[in-house]
Amino acid sequence: QVQLVESGGGLVQAGGSLRLSCAASGRTISSYDMAWFRQAPGKEREFVAAIRWSGATIYNADAMKGRFTISRDNAKNTVYLQMSSLKPEDSAVYYCAGDRSRWGSRQSDYEYWGQGTQVTVSS
């Protein structure tokens, strides 16, 4: 089994940056497909970005507008989400997810999930 733990969330002013981390334990995730989702109160969970084991990436371009970057460091068994030019609309709980055999933009594509980390962007 794989355990995923997110960190790096917090309070930041509009226009600022944050780097979220997703640390995996129990198994190496070098061959896993990984993703980030987010969910604001009262709204559906939204796809942010995904990174394949090969390093290929996909983004929710309409929502993210090129401001977010997903990356991974297999030596540290960690996945990152670099966020810049943050807006109050980006405030949400951000979740890390992973799967051994598939990737995509749907919640059902991923088997393993972290507990989430809160990001709050103030004006």
C-alpha atoms as a PDB file:
ATOM      1  CA  GLN A   1       0.000   0.000   0.000  1.00  0.00           C
ATOM      2  CA  VAL A   2       1.004   3.592  -0.622  1.00  0.00           C
ATOM      3  CA  GLN A   3       0.427   6.438   1.813  1.00  0.00           C
ATOM      4  CA  LEU A   4       0.385  10.014   0.522  1.00  0.00           C
ATOM      5  CA  VAL A   5       0.862  13.068   2.747  1.00  0.00           C
ATOM      6  CA  GLU A   6       0.483  16.610   1.425  1.00  0.00           C
ATOM      7  CA  SER A   7       2.223  19.626   2.928  1.00  0.00           C
ATOM      8  CA  GLY A   8       3.088  23.217   2.061  1.00  0.00           C
ATOM      9  CA  GLY A   9      -0.346  24.770   2.233  1.00  0.00           C
ATOM     10  CA  GLY A  10      -1.082  27.937   4.137  1.00  0.00           C
ATOM     11  CA  LEU A  11      -2.103  31.570   3.844  1.00  0.00           C
ATOM     12  CA  VAL A  12      -0.666  33.666   1.027  1.00  0.00           C
ATOM     13  CA  GLN A  13      -1.524  37.048  -0.475  1.00  0.00           C
ATOM     14  CA  ALA A  14      -2.908  37.361  -3.982  1.00  0.00           C
ATOM     15  CA  GLY A  15      -0.101  37.339  -6.530  1.00  0.00           C
ATOM     16  CA  GLY A  16       2.128  35.221  -4.331  1.00  0.00           C
ATOM     17  CA  SER A  17       3.446  31.687  -4.730  1.00  0.00           C
ATOM     18  CA  LEU A  18       3.291  28.374  -2.900  1.00  0.00           C
ATOM     19  CA  ARG A  19       4.930  25.006  -3.455  1.00  0.00           C
ATOM     20  CA  LEU A  20       2.935  21.994  -2.344  1.00  0.00           C
ATOM     21  CA  SER A  21       4.599  18.654  -1.649  1.00  0.00           C
ATOM     22  CA  CYS A  22       3.189  15.133  -1.688  1.00  0.00           C
ATOM     23  CA  ALA A  23       5.412  12.664   0.140  1.00  0.00           C
ATOM     24  CA  ALA A  24       4.800   8.974  -0.535  1.00  0.00           C
ATOM     25  CA  SER A  25       5.673   6.102   1.776  1.00  0.00           C
ATOM     26  CA  GLY A  26       5.194   2.341   1.780  1.00  0.00           C
ATOM     27  CA  ARG A  27       6.141   1.929  -1.888  1.00  0.00           C
ATOM     28  CA  THR A  28       8.263   3.717  -4.425  1.00  0.00           C
ATOM     29  CA  ILE A  29       6.117   5.799  -6.770  1.00  0.00           C
ATOM     30  CA  SER A  30       8.651   6.065  -9.580  1.00  0.00           C
ATOM     31  CA  SER A  31       6.382   3.986 -11.821  1.00  0.00           C
ATOM     32  CA  TYR A  32       3.122   5.563 -10.624  1.00  0.00           C
ATOM     33  CA  ASP A  33       0.974   8.152 -12.330  1.00  0.00           C
ATOM     34  CA  MET A  34       0.361  11.081  -9.970  1.00  0.00           C
ATOM     35  CA  ALA A  35      -2.061  14.005  -9.880  1.00  0.00           C
ATOM     36  CA  TRP A  36      -3.299  17.021  -7.946  1.00  0.00           C
ATOM     37  CA  PHE A  37      -6.955  17.901  -7.377  1.00  0.00           C
ATOM     38  CA  ARG A  38      -8.571  20.697  -5.385  1.00  0.00           C
ATOM     39  CA  GLN A  39     -11.924  21.283  -3.743  1.00  0.00           C
ATOM     40  CA  ALA A  40     -13.473  24.462  -2.384  1.00  0.00           C
ATOM     41  CA  PRO A  41     -16.371  24.356   0.109  1.00  0.00           C
ATOM     42  CA  GLY A  42     -19.654  23.579  -1.620  1.00  0.00           C
ATOM     43  CA  LYS A  43     -17.994  22.815  -4.963  1.00  0.00           C
ATOM     44  CA  GLU A  44     -17.045  19.698  -6.895  1.00  0.00           C
ATOM     45  CA  ARG A  45     -13.531  18.352  -6.663  1.00  0.00           C
ATOM     46  CA  GLU A  46     -11.579  19.823  -9.577  1.00  0.00           C
ATOM     47  CA  PHE A  47      -8.683  18.379 -11.551  1.00  0.00           C
ATOM     48  CA  VAL A  48      -5.522  20.486 -11.456  1.00  0.00           C
ATOM     49  CA  ALA A  49      -2.672  18.547 -13.083  1.00  0.00           C
ATOM     50  CA  ALA A  50      -1.242  15.061 -13.596  1.00  0.00           C
ATOM     51  CA  ILE A  51       2.203  13.639 -14.280  1.00  0.00           C
ATOM     52  CA  ARG A  52       2.842  10.230 -15.816  1.00  0.00           C
ATOM     53  CA  TRP A  53       5.642   7.916 -14.725  1.00  0.00           C
ATOM     54  CA  SER A  54       7.479   9.007 -17.876  1.00  0.00           C
ATOM     55  CA  GLY A  55       7.287  12.676 -16.875  1.00  0.00           C
ATOM     56  CA  ALA A  56       4.587  13.623 -19.372  1.00  0.00           C
ATOM     57  CA  THR A  57       2.097  16.115 -17.922  1.00  0.00           C
ATOM     58  CA  ILE A  58      -1.451  17.310 -18.450  1.00  0.00           C
ATOM     59  CA  TYR A  59      -3.144  20.389 -16.986  1.00  0.00           C
ATOM     60  CA  ASN A  60      -6.597  21.817 -16.560  1.00  0.00           C
ATOM     61  CA  ALA A  61      -5.625  24.762 -18.726  1.00  0.00           C
ATOM     62  CA  ASP A  62      -8.969  26.510 -18.511  1.00  0.00           C
ATOM     63  CA  ALA A  63      -8.807  26.670 -14.719  1.00  0.00           C
ATOM     64  CA  MET A  64      -5.059  26.973 -14.137  1.00  0.00           C
ATOM     65  CA  LYS A  65      -4.189  29.351 -17.023  1.00  0.00           C
ATOM     66  CA  GLY A  66      -0.604  28.119 -17.121  1.00  0.00           C
ATOM     67  CA  ARG A  67       0.166  29.288 -13.580  1.00  0.00           C
ATOM     68  CA  PHE A  68       0.725  25.843 -12.048  1.00  0.00           C
ATOM     69  CA  THR A  69       3.509  23.322 -12.629  1.00  0.00           C
ATOM     70  CA  ILE A  70       3.510  19.682 -11.540  1.00  0.00           C
ATOM     71  CA  SER A  71       6.810  17.864 -11.104  1.00  0.00           C
ATOM     72  CA  ARG A  72       8.294  14.846  -9.359  1.00  0.00           C
ATOM     73  CA  ASP A  73      11.528  13.847  -7.660  1.00  0.00           C
ATOM     74  CA  ASN A  74      11.708  10.070  -7.688  1.00  0.00           C
ATOM     75  CA  ALA A  75      14.812  10.016  -5.487  1.00  0.00           C
ATOM     76  CA  LYS A  76      12.743  11.685  -2.751  1.00  0.00           C
ATOM     77  CA  ASN A  77       9.560   9.760  -3.581  1.00  0.00           C
ATOM     78  CA  THR A  78       7.785  13.112  -3.760  1.00  0.00           C
ATOM     79  CA  VAL A  79       5.502  15.000  -6.156  1.00  0.00           C
ATOM     80  CA  TYR A  80       5.242  18.794  -6.204  1.00  0.00           C
ATOM     81  CA  LEU A  81       2.808  21.458  -7.322  1.00  0.00           C
ATOM     82  CA  GLN A  82       4.370  24.872  -7.880  1.00  0.00           C
ATOM     83  CA  MET A  83       1.718  27.597  -7.851  1.00  0.00           C
ATOM     84  CA  SER A  84       2.327  31.205  -8.874  1.00  0.00           C
ATOM     85  CA  SER A  85       0.249  34.342  -9.433  1.00  0.00           C
ATOM     86  CA  LEU A  86      -2.244  33.010  -6.936  1.00  0.00           C
ATOM     87  CA  LYS A  87      -5.771  34.372  -6.835  1.00  0.00           C
ATOM     88  CA  PRO A  88      -8.466  34.210  -4.138  1.00  0.00           C
ATOM     89  CA  GLU A  89     -10.334  31.822  -6.445  1.00  0.00           C
ATOM     90  CA  ASP A  90      -7.476  29.330  -5.978  1.00  0.00           C
ATOM     91  CA  SER A  91      -8.381  28.899  -2.299  1.00  0.00           C
ATOM     92  CA  ALA A  92      -9.241  25.245  -1.700  1.00  0.00           C
ATOM     93  CA  VAL A  93      -8.110  22.008  -0.128  1.00  0.00           C
ATOM     94  CA  TYR A  94      -5.520  20.486  -2.445  1.00  0.00           C
ATOM     95  CA  TYR A  95      -5.297  16.697  -2.708  1.00  0.00           C
ATOM     96  CA  CYS A  96      -2.551  14.451  -4.027  1.00  0.00           C
ATOM     97  CA  ALA A  97      -3.505  11.220  -5.820  1.00  0.00           C
ATOM     98  CA  GLY A  98      -1.724   8.273  -7.414  1.00  0.00           C
ATOM     99  CA  ASP A  99      -2.329   5.106  -9.410  1.00  0.00           C
ATOM    100  CA  ARG A 100      -0.197   2.232 -10.690  1.00  0.00           C
ATOM    101  CA  SER A 101      -1.756   1.692 -14.099  1.00  0.00           C
ATOM    102  CA  ARG A 102      -3.664   4.715 -15.378  1.00  0.00           C
ATOM    103  CA  TRP A 103      -3.856   8.478 -15.322  1.00  0.00           C
ATOM    104  CA  GLY A 104      -6.344  11.149 -16.296  1.00  0.00           C
ATOM    105  CA  SER A 105      -8.434  14.066 -15.092  1.00  0.00           C
ATOM    106  CA  ARG A 106     -11.124  12.143 -13.218  1.00  0.00           C
ATOM    107  CA  GLN A 107     -11.155  11.308  -9.519  1.00  0.00           C
ATOM    108  CA  SER A 108     -11.978   7.688 -10.389  1.00  0.00           C
ATOM    109  CA  ASP A 109      -8.679   7.345 -12.286  1.00  0.00           C
ATOM    110  CA  TYR A 110      -6.708   7.237  -9.021  1.00  0.00           C
ATOM    111  CA  GLU A 111      -6.581   4.630  -6.270  1.00  0.00           C
ATOM    112  CA  TYR A 112      -4.469   6.349  -3.608  1.00  0.00           C
ATOM    113  CA  TRP A 113      -5.252   9.714  -2.007  1.00  0.00           C
ATOM    114  CA  GLY A 114      -3.755  12.004   0.583  1.00  0.00           C
ATOM    115  CA  GLN A 115      -5.644  13.835   3.312  1.00  0.00           C
ATOM    116  CA  GLY A 116      -5.357  17.245   1.665  1.00  0.00           C
ATOM    117  CA  THR A 117      -3.683  20.533   2.541  1.00  0.00           C
ATOM    118  CA  GLN A 118      -5.470  23.877   2.844  1.00  0.00           C
ATOM    119  CA  VAL A 119      -4.491  26.784   0.600  1.00  0.00           C
ATOM    120  CA  THR A 120      -5.987  30.193   1.374  1.00  0.00           C
ATOM    121  CA  VAL A 121      -5.289  33.194  -0.863  1.00  0.00           C
ATOM    122  CA  SER A 122      -6.152  36.577   0.614  1.00  0.00           C
ATOM    123  CA  SER A 123      -6.783  39.841  -1.220  1.00  0.00           C
END
